[in-house]
Amino acid sequence: MEDLYAMPGHLFRRVQQISTAIFVEECGDLDLTSVQFAALMAIRSHPDVDATRLSTLIAFDRSTLGDVLERLEAKGWVVRQSSPTDKRVKLLRLSPEGSQLLRRALPKVRRVQERLLSPLSPKDRENMVRLLSQLAESHNDIAPAPLRASD
């Protein structure tokens, strides 16, 4: 078992489980998931984004994102409207309730990050984020939903 416990993939999976558990503890009262949070942040930064572009901004599978957007719309946090140039394309904007939710969520999500990295020294926290970013960027093209923030 020692071999398993030292495998980076196994450790990444465990840290993801821990991150999700902390997110639920901090944000459970908001009825918000981490993917919904990412989507709302991207929509806030890119008003009138379409779902295909949104999926590349948050590195999330396009077909699954449709369900996430339906839930966000049902909760009243996102408004979808047809594009003036192509009626088949739906453009996304935060509703006033979605903006208000993000204001409430941001301090909680910051606490998630702080709690997740709290066992590390400040220097190790910086290094951890830098190394994780380097890994994610280096392997981006093999991911099922690559991040395309600058396209």
N, C-alpha and C. Protein backbone atom coordinates (compact mmCIF):
# COMPACT_ATOMS: atom_id res chain seq x y z
N MET A 1 0.82 -1.22 0.00
CA MET A 1 0.00 0.00 0.00
C MET A 1 0.86 1.27 0.00
N GLU A 2 2.07 1.17 0.52
CA GLU A 2 2.93 2.35 0.53
C GLU A 2 3.14 2.90 -0.87
N ASP A 3 3.25 2.00 -1.86
CA ASP A 3 3.42 2.46 -3.24
C ASP A 3 2.22 3.29 -3.68
N LEU A 4 1.03 2.82 -3.38
CA LEU A 4 -0.18 3.54 -3.76
C LEU A 4 -0.21 4.91 -3.09
N TYR A 5 0.08 4.94 -1.80
CA TYR A 5 -0.02 6.19 -1.05
C TYR A 5 0.99 7.24 -1.48
N ALA A 6 2.02 6.83 -2.21
CA ALA A 6 3.03 7.77 -2.69
C ALA A 6 2.81 8.16 -4.15
N MET A 7 1.78 7.62 -4.78
CA MET A 7 1.53 7.94 -6.19
C MET A 7 0.86 9.31 -6.32
N PRO A 8 1.43 10.19 -7.15
CA PRO A 8 0.84 11.53 -7.32
C PRO A 8 -0.64 11.48 -7.73
N GLY A 9 -1.00 10.58 -8.63
CA GLY A 9 -2.40 10.51 -9.06
C GLY A 9 -3.33 10.19 -7.90
N HIS A 10 -2.93 9.28 -7.05
CA HIS A 10 -3.73 8.92 -5.88
C HIS A 10 -3.83 10.13 -4.94
N LEU A 11 -2.72 10.82 -4.74
CA LEU A 11 -2.72 11.99 -3.85
C LEU A 11 -3.57 13.12 -4.42
N PHE A 12 -3.51 13.33 -5.75
CA PHE A 12 -4.37 14.35 -6.37
C PHE A 12 -5.84 14.02 -6.14
N ARG A 13 -6.20 12.75 -6.30
CA ARG A 13 -7.60 12.35 -6.09
C ARG A 13 -8.03 12.62 -4.65
N ARG A 14 -7.16 12.29 -3.70
CA ARG A 14 -7.49 12.52 -2.29
C ARG A 14 -7.63 14.01 -1.99
N VAL A 15 -6.71 14.82 -2.53
CA VAL A 15 -6.78 16.27 -2.29
C VAL A 15 -8.04 16.84 -2.94
N GLN A 16 -8.44 16.33 -4.10
CA GLN A 16 -9.69 16.77 -4.73
C GLN A 16 -10.88 16.45 -3.83
N GLN A 17 -10.87 15.25 -3.23
CA GLN A 17 -11.95 14.88 -2.30
C GLN A 17 -11.98 15.85 -1.12
N ILE A 18 -10.82 16.16 -0.59
CA ILE A 18 -10.72 17.07 0.56
C ILE A 18 -11.18 18.47 0.16
N SER A 19 -10.75 18.94 -1.00
CA SER A 19 -11.15 20.25 -1.49
C SER A 19 -12.67 20.34 -1.64
N THR A 20 -13.26 19.29 -2.20
CA THR A 20 -14.71 19.27 -2.37
C THR A 20 -15.41 19.28 -1.02
N ALA A 21 -14.91 18.51 -0.07
CA ALA A 21 -15.52 18.47 1.27
C ALA A 21 -15.45 19.84 1.95
N ILE A 22 -14.32 20.52 1.83
CA ILE A 22 -14.20 21.86 2.42
C ILE A 22 -15.13 22.83 1.72
N PHE A 23 -15.24 22.73 0.39
CA PHE A 23 -16.14 23.61 -0.35
C PHE A 23 -17.58 23.42 0.14
N VAL A 24 -17.99 22.19 0.33
CA VAL A 24 -19.35 21.91 0.81
C VAL A 24 -19.55 22.48 2.20
N GLU A 25 -18.56 22.34 3.07
CA GLU A 25 -18.67 22.91 4.42
C GLU A 25 -18.83 24.42 4.38
N GLU A 26 -18.06 25.08 3.55
CA GLU A 26 -18.08 26.54 3.51
C GLU A 26 -19.26 27.10 2.72
N CYS A 27 -19.64 26.43 1.64
CA CYS A 27 -20.63 27.00 0.71
C CYS A 27 -21.95 26.24 0.68
N GLY A 28 -22.09 25.22 1.50
CA GLY A 28 -23.30 24.40 1.47
C GLY A 28 -24.57 25.20 1.69
N ASP A 29 -24.50 26.24 2.51
CA ASP A 29 -25.69 27.05 2.78
C ASP A 29 -26.12 27.87 1.58
N LEU A 30 -25.24 28.00 0.58
CA LEU A 30 -25.56 28.77 -0.62
C LEU A 30 -26.16 27.91 -1.72
N ASP A 31 -26.18 26.59 -1.53
CA ASP A 31 -26.65 25.66 -2.56
C ASP A 31 -25.85 25.85 -3.85
N LEU A 32 -24.53 25.89 -3.70
CA LEU A 32 -23.62 26.20 -4.78
C LEU A 32 -22.53 25.14 -4.86
N THR A 33 -22.22 24.67 -6.06
CA THR A 33 -21.12 23.74 -6.26
C THR A 33 -19.90 24.49 -6.78
N SER A 34 -18.75 23.85 -6.73
CA SER A 34 -17.53 24.51 -7.22
C SER A 34 -17.60 24.76 -8.73
N VAL A 35 -18.21 23.87 -9.48
CA VAL A 35 -18.35 24.09 -10.92
C VAL A 35 -19.32 25.25 -11.19
N GLN A 36 -20.41 25.32 -10.44
CA GLN A 36 -21.33 26.44 -10.60
C GLN A 36 -20.62 27.75 -10.27
N PHE A 37 -19.81 27.74 -9.22
CA PHE A 37 -19.05 28.93 -8.86
C PHE A 37 -18.13 29.35 -10.00
N ALA A 38 -17.40 28.40 -10.57
CA ALA A 38 -16.50 28.70 -11.68
C ALA A 38 -17.27 29.28 -12.86
N ALA A 39 -18.41 28.69 -13.16
CA ALA A 39 -19.23 29.18 -14.27
C ALA A 39 -19.70 30.62 -14.01
N LEU A 40 -20.17 30.88 -12.80
CA LEU A 40 -20.64 32.22 -12.46
C LEU A 40 -19.51 33.24 -12.54
N MET A 41 -18.33 32.87 -12.07
CA MET A 41 -17.19 33.79 -12.14
C MET A 41 -16.83 34.10 -13.59
N ALA A 42 -16.83 33.07 -14.44
CA ALA A 42 -16.50 33.28 -15.85
C ALA A 42 -17.56 34.12 -16.55
N ILE A 43 -18.82 33.88 -16.24
CA ILE A 43 -19.91 34.66 -16.84
C ILE A 43 -19.80 36.12 -16.40
N ARG A 44 -19.47 36.34 -15.13
CA ARG A 44 -19.30 37.70 -14.65
C ARG A 44 -18.17 38.41 -15.40
N SER A 45 -17.07 37.67 -15.64
CA SER A 45 -15.93 38.26 -16.34
C SER A 45 -16.14 38.39 -17.85
N HIS A 46 -17.06 37.58 -18.39
CA HIS A 46 -17.31 37.56 -19.84
C HIS A 46 -18.82 37.63 -20.10
N PRO A 47 -19.45 38.78 -19.83
CA PRO A 47 -20.89 38.88 -20.08
C PRO A 47 -21.20 38.56 -21.55
N ASP A 48 -22.32 37.92 -21.76
CA ASP A 48 -22.77 37.52 -23.10
C ASP A 48 -21.89 36.43 -23.71
N VAL A 49 -21.28 35.63 -22.87
CA VAL A 49 -20.52 34.47 -23.34
C VAL A 49 -21.51 33.37 -23.72
N ASP A 50 -21.16 32.56 -24.70
CA ASP A 50 -22.01 31.41 -25.01
C ASP A 50 -21.47 30.18 -24.28
N ALA A 51 -22.25 29.14 -24.25
CA ALA A 51 -21.90 27.95 -23.48
C ALA A 51 -20.63 27.27 -23.97
N THR A 52 -20.41 27.27 -25.27
CA THR A 52 -19.21 26.63 -25.81
C THR A 52 -17.96 27.36 -25.33
N ARG A 53 -17.98 28.67 -25.43
CA ARG A 53 -16.84 29.46 -24.94
C ARG A 53 -16.69 29.32 -23.44
N LEU A 54 -17.79 29.32 -22.71
CA LEU A 54 -17.74 29.16 -21.26
C LEU A 54 -17.06 27.86 -20.88
N SER A 55 -17.38 26.79 -21.60
CA SER A 55 -16.78 25.49 -21.28
C SER A 55 -15.25 25.54 -21.42
N THR A 56 -14.73 26.32 -22.37
CA THR A 56 -13.28 26.43 -22.52
C THR A 56 -12.67 27.34 -21.46
N LEU A 57 -13.44 28.31 -20.98
CA LEU A 57 -12.93 29.23 -19.96
C LEU A 57 -12.76 28.54 -18.61
N ILE A 58 -13.60 27.54 -18.32
CA ILE A 58 -13.52 26.87 -17.02
C ILE A 58 -13.04 25.43 -17.15
N ALA A 59 -12.66 25.02 -18.36
CA ALA A 59 -12.15 23.66 -18.60
C ALA A 59 -13.14 22.61 -18.12
N PHE A 60 -14.37 22.71 -18.64
CA PHE A 60 -15.43 21.80 -18.23
C PHE A 60 -16.11 21.26 -19.49
N ASP A 61 -16.42 19.99 -19.49
CA ASP A 61 -17.03 19.33 -20.64
C ASP A 61 -18.30 20.05 -21.08
N ARG A 62 -18.38 20.39 -22.36
CA ARG A 62 -19.51 21.15 -22.91
C ARG A 62 -20.85 20.45 -22.71
N SER A 63 -20.90 19.14 -22.92
CA SER A 63 -22.18 18.44 -22.80
C SER A 63 -22.68 18.44 -21.35
N THR A 64 -21.78 18.34 -20.40
CA THR A 64 -22.18 18.36 -18.98
C THR A 64 -22.51 19.77 -18.52
N LEU A 65 -21.85 20.75 -19.13
CA LEU A 65 -22.08 22.14 -18.75
C LEU A 65 -23.53 22.56 -18.98
N GLY A 66 -24.18 21.98 -19.98
CA GLY A 66 -25.59 22.31 -20.23
C GLY A 66 -26.46 22.07 -19.01
N ASP A 67 -26.23 20.96 -18.32
CA ASP A 67 -26.99 20.67 -17.09
C ASP A 67 -26.69 21.70 -16.00
N VAL A 68 -25.43 22.08 -15.89
CA VAL A 68 -25.03 23.09 -14.89
C VAL A 68 -25.75 24.40 -15.19
N LEU A 69 -25.77 24.79 -16.45
CA LEU A 69 -26.41 26.06 -16.82
C LEU A 69 -27.92 26.02 -16.59
N GLU A 70 -28.53 24.88 -16.84
CA GLU A 70 -29.97 24.75 -16.56
C GLU A 70 -30.25 24.96 -15.07
N ARG A 71 -29.40 24.40 -14.22
CA ARG A 71 -29.59 24.58 -12.78
C ARG A 71 -29.37 26.04 -12.37
N LEU A 72 -28.34 26.67 -12.96
CA LEU A 72 -28.09 28.08 -12.64
C LEU A 72 -29.25 28.97 -13.08
N GLU A 73 -29.81 28.67 -14.23
CA GLU A 73 -30.95 29.43 -14.71
C GLU A 73 -32.19 29.18 -13.83
N ALA A 74 -32.40 27.92 -13.45
CA ALA A 74 -33.54 27.58 -12.60
C ALA A 74 -33.45 28.26 -11.23
N LYS A 75 -32.24 28.45 -10.74
CA LYS A 75 -32.04 29.13 -9.46
C LYS A 75 -32.15 30.65 -9.59
N GLY A 76 -32.24 31.13 -10.83
CA GLY A 76 -32.37 32.56 -11.06
C GLY A 76 -31.06 33.31 -11.03
N TRP A 77 -29.92 32.60 -11.15
CA TRP A 77 -28.61 33.23 -11.06
C TRP A 77 -28.06 33.63 -12.42
N VAL A 78 -28.58 33.03 -13.48
CA VAL A 78 -28.11 33.29 -14.84
C VAL A 78 -29.30 33.53 -15.74
N VAL A 79 -29.14 34.44 -16.69
CA VAL A 79 -30.15 34.71 -17.70
C VAL A 79 -29.55 34.31 -19.05
N ARG A 80 -30.34 33.54 -19.82
CA ARG A 80 -29.91 33.15 -21.17
C ARG A 80 -30.81 33.86 -22.17
N GLN A 81 -30.18 34.45 -23.19
CA GLN A 81 -30.96 35.07 -24.25
C GLN A 81 -30.32 34.78 -25.59
N SER A 82 -31.12 34.81 -26.63
CA SER A 82 -30.62 34.52 -27.97
C SER A 82 -29.65 35.59 -28.44
N SER A 83 -28.65 35.15 -29.18
CA SER A 83 -27.69 36.07 -29.78
C SER A 83 -28.40 36.86 -30.88
N PRO A 84 -28.11 38.14 -30.99
CA PRO A 84 -28.74 38.92 -32.06
C PRO A 84 -28.27 38.50 -33.46
N THR A 85 -27.11 37.84 -33.54
CA THR A 85 -26.57 37.44 -34.84
C THR A 85 -26.88 35.99 -35.20
N ASP A 86 -27.22 35.16 -34.19
CA ASP A 86 -27.52 33.74 -34.44
C ASP A 86 -28.48 33.27 -33.36
N LYS A 87 -29.75 33.16 -33.70
CA LYS A 87 -30.80 32.83 -32.73
C LYS A 87 -30.60 31.46 -32.07
N ARG A 88 -29.79 30.60 -32.68
CA ARG A 88 -29.53 29.27 -32.10
C ARG A 88 -28.57 29.35 -30.92
N VAL A 89 -27.78 30.42 -30.86
CA VAL A 89 -26.78 30.59 -29.80
C VAL A 89 -27.40 31.37 -28.65
N LYS A 90 -27.23 30.83 -27.44
CA LYS A 90 -27.73 31.50 -26.24
C LYS A 90 -26.58 32.18 -25.52
N LEU A 91 -26.75 33.45 -25.22
CA LEU A 91 -25.74 34.22 -24.51
C LEU A 91 -26.09 34.27 -23.03
N LEU A 92 -25.07 34.25 -22.20
CA LEU A 92 -25.25 34.14 -20.75
C LEU A 92 -24.82 35.41 -20.04
N ARG A 93 -25.63 35.79 -19.07
CA ARG A 93 -25.34 36.93 -18.20
C ARG A 93 -25.76 36.58 -16.79
N LEU A 94 -25.08 37.17 -15.82
CA LEU A 94 -25.52 37.02 -14.44
C LEU A 94 -26.79 37.83 -14.24
N SER A 95 -27.69 37.28 -13.48
CA SER A 95 -28.85 38.05 -13.05
C SER A 95 -28.42 38.87 -11.83
N PRO A 96 -29.23 39.82 -11.40
CA PRO A 96 -28.89 40.54 -10.15
C PRO A 96 -28.73 39.56 -8.98
N GLU A 97 -29.56 38.51 -8.95
CA GLU A 97 -29.44 37.51 -7.87
C GLU A 97 -28.12 36.75 -7.99
N GLY A 98 -27.68 36.48 -9.21
CA GLY A 98 -26.40 35.80 -9.42
C GLY A 98 -25.23 36.66 -8.95
N SER A 99 -25.30 37.94 -9.24
CA SER A 99 -24.26 38.87 -8.77
C SER A 99 -24.22 38.93 -7.25
N GLN A 100 -25.40 38.97 -6.66
CA GLN A 100 -25.49 39.01 -5.20
C GLN A 100 -24.94 37.71 -4.60
N LEU A 101 -25.27 36.59 -5.20
CA LEU A 101 -24.76 35.31 -4.72
C LEU A 101 -23.23 35.29 -4.76
N LEU A 102 -22.64 35.76 -5.86
CA LEU A 102 -21.18 35.77 -5.96
C LEU A 102 -20.56 36.63 -4.87
N ARG A 103 -21.16 37.77 -4.57
CA ARG A 103 -20.65 38.62 -3.49
C ARG A 103 -20.65 37.86 -2.17
N ARG A 104 -21.68 37.08 -1.92
CA ARG A 104 -21.75 36.27 -0.69
C ARG A 104 -20.79 35.09 -0.73
N ALA A 105 -20.58 34.53 -1.93
CA ALA A 105 -19.76 33.31 -2.06
C ALA A 105 -18.26 33.60 -1.99
N LEU A 106 -17.82 34.72 -2.51
CA LEU A 106 -16.38 34.97 -2.63
C LEU A 106 -15.62 34.83 -1.31
N PRO A 107 -16.08 35.40 -0.21
CA PRO A 107 -15.33 35.22 1.04
C PRO A 107 -15.29 33.75 1.48
N LYS A 108 -16.37 33.04 1.23
CA LYS A 108 -16.42 31.63 1.59
C LYS A 108 -15.45 30.81 0.73
N VAL A 109 -15.39 31.12 -0.56
CA VAL A 109 -14.50 30.39 -1.46
C VAL A 109 -13.04 30.72 -1.13
N ARG A 110 -12.78 31.94 -0.72
CA ARG A 110 -11.42 32.29 -0.27
C ARG A 110 -11.04 31.47 0.96
N ARG A 111 -12.00 31.27 1.85
CA ARG A 111 -11.74 30.43 3.04
C ARG A 111 -11.45 28.99 2.64
N VAL A 112 -12.14 28.50 1.61
CA VAL A 112 -11.85 27.15 1.11
C VAL A 112 -10.38 27.05 0.73
N GLN A 113 -9.89 28.03 -0.03
CA GLN A 113 -8.50 28.01 -0.48
C GLN A 113 -7.55 28.07 0.72
N GLU A 114 -7.88 28.95 1.66
CA GLU A 114 -7.03 29.09 2.86
C GLU A 114 -7.00 27.80 3.66
N ARG A 115 -8.16 27.20 3.87
CA ARG A 115 -8.21 25.96 4.64
C ARG A 115 -7.47 24.83 3.93
N LEU A 116 -7.63 24.76 2.63
CA LEU A 116 -6.99 23.69 1.87
C LEU A 116 -5.47 23.76 1.99
N LEU A 117 -4.93 24.95 1.96
CA LEU A 117 -3.47 25.11 2.00
C LEU A 117 -2.93 25.41 3.40
N SER A 118 -3.79 25.47 4.40
CA SER A 118 -3.37 25.87 5.74
C SER A 118 -2.26 25.02 6.35
N PRO A 119 -2.13 23.73 6.03
CA PRO A 119 -1.00 22.99 6.61
C PRO A 119 0.37 23.41 6.08
N LEU A 120 0.40 24.19 5.01
CA LEU A 120 1.66 24.58 4.38
C LEU A 120 2.11 25.96 4.83
N SER A 121 3.41 26.18 4.81
CA SER A 121 3.96 27.51 5.10
C SER A 121 3.57 28.43 3.94
N PRO A 122 3.62 29.74 4.16
CA PRO A 122 3.30 30.68 3.07
C PRO A 122 4.15 30.42 1.81
N LYS A 123 5.42 30.15 1.96
CA LYS A 123 6.29 29.88 0.81
C LYS A 123 5.87 28.58 0.12
N ASP A 124 5.54 27.55 0.90
CA ASP A 124 5.11 26.29 0.32
C ASP A 124 3.76 26.43 -0.39
N ARG A 125 2.90 27.30 0.12
CA ARG A 125 1.61 27.56 -0.55
C ARG A 125 1.87 28.15 -1.93
N GLU A 126 2.76 29.14 -2.00
CA GLU A 126 3.11 29.75 -3.29
C GLU A 126 3.66 28.70 -4.24
N ASN A 127 4.57 27.89 -3.72
CA ASN A 127 5.17 26.84 -4.56
C ASN A 127 4.14 25.82 -5.01
N MET A 128 3.23 25.44 -4.13
CA MET A 128 2.20 24.46 -4.47
C MET A 128 1.34 24.98 -5.63
N VAL A 129 0.88 26.20 -5.52
CA VAL A 129 0.04 26.78 -6.58
C VAL A 129 0.84 26.90 -7.87
N ARG A 130 2.09 27.31 -7.77
CA ARG A 130 2.93 27.43 -8.96
C ARG A 130 3.13 26.07 -9.63
N LEU A 131 3.43 25.04 -8.84
CA LEU A 131 3.65 23.71 -9.39
C LEU A 131 2.37 23.11 -9.97
N LEU A 132 1.25 23.29 -9.28
CA LEU A 132 -0.02 22.79 -9.81
C LEU A 132 -0.37 23.48 -11.12
N SER A 133 -0.14 24.79 -11.17
CA SER A 133 -0.39 25.54 -12.41
C SER A 133 0.50 25.02 -13.53
N GLN A 134 1.75 24.76 -13.21
CA GLN A 134 2.69 24.24 -14.21
C GLN A 134 2.24 22.88 -14.73
N LEU A 135 1.82 21.99 -13.84
CA LEU A 135 1.32 20.68 -14.26
C LEU A 135 0.08 20.81 -15.12
N ALA A 136 -0.87 21.63 -14.68
CA ALA A 136 -2.12 21.79 -15.43
C ALA A 136 -1.85 22.36 -16.81
N GLU A 137 -0.98 23.34 -16.88
CA GLU A 137 -0.66 23.95 -18.17
C GLU A 137 0.09 22.98 -19.08
N SER A 138 1.03 22.25 -18.52
CA SER A 138 1.83 21.31 -19.33
C SER A 138 1.00 20.18 -19.90
N HIS A 139 -0.01 19.76 -19.17
CA HIS A 139 -0.85 18.63 -19.60
C HIS A 139 -2.20 19.08 -20.15
N ASN A 140 -2.39 20.36 -20.36
CA ASN A 140 -3.68 20.90 -20.77
C ASN A 140 -4.24 20.23 -22.03
N ASP A 141 -3.38 19.98 -23.00
CA ASP A 141 -3.87 19.46 -24.28
C ASP A 141 -4.36 18.02 -24.22
N ILE A 142 -4.02 17.28 -23.17
CA ILE A 142 -4.52 15.91 -23.06
C ILE A 142 -5.77 15.83 -22.19
N ALA A 143 -6.16 16.94 -21.60
CA ALA A 143 -7.34 16.96 -20.73
C ALA A 143 -8.60 16.79 -21.59
N PRO A 144 -9.61 16.09 -21.06
CA PRO A 144 -10.87 15.94 -21.79
C PRO A 144 -11.54 17.28 -22.10
N ALA A 145 -11.33 18.26 -21.24
CA ALA A 145 -11.88 19.62 -21.44
C ALA A 145 -10.74 20.60 -21.21
N PRO A 146 -9.92 20.86 -22.22
CA PRO A 146 -8.77 21.77 -22.04
C PRO A 146 -9.20 23.19 -21.70
N LEU A 147 -8.39 23.85 -20.92
CA LEU A 147 -8.60 25.26 -20.60
C LEU A 147 -8.14 26.07 -21.79
N ARG A 148 -8.98 26.99 -22.24
CA ARG A 148 -8.64 27.89 -23.34
C ARG A 148 -9.07 29.29 -22.93
N ALA A 149 -8.34 29.85 -21.96
CA ALA A 149 -8.72 31.14 -21.40
C ALA A 149 -8.43 32.29 -22.34
N SER A 150 -7.48 32.15 -23.25
CA SER A 150 -7.10 33.29 -24.08
C SER A 150 -7.60 33.20 -25.52
N ASP A 151 -8.36 32.19 -25.86
CA ASP A 151 -8.86 32.07 -27.23
C ASP A 151 -9.86 33.17 -27.55
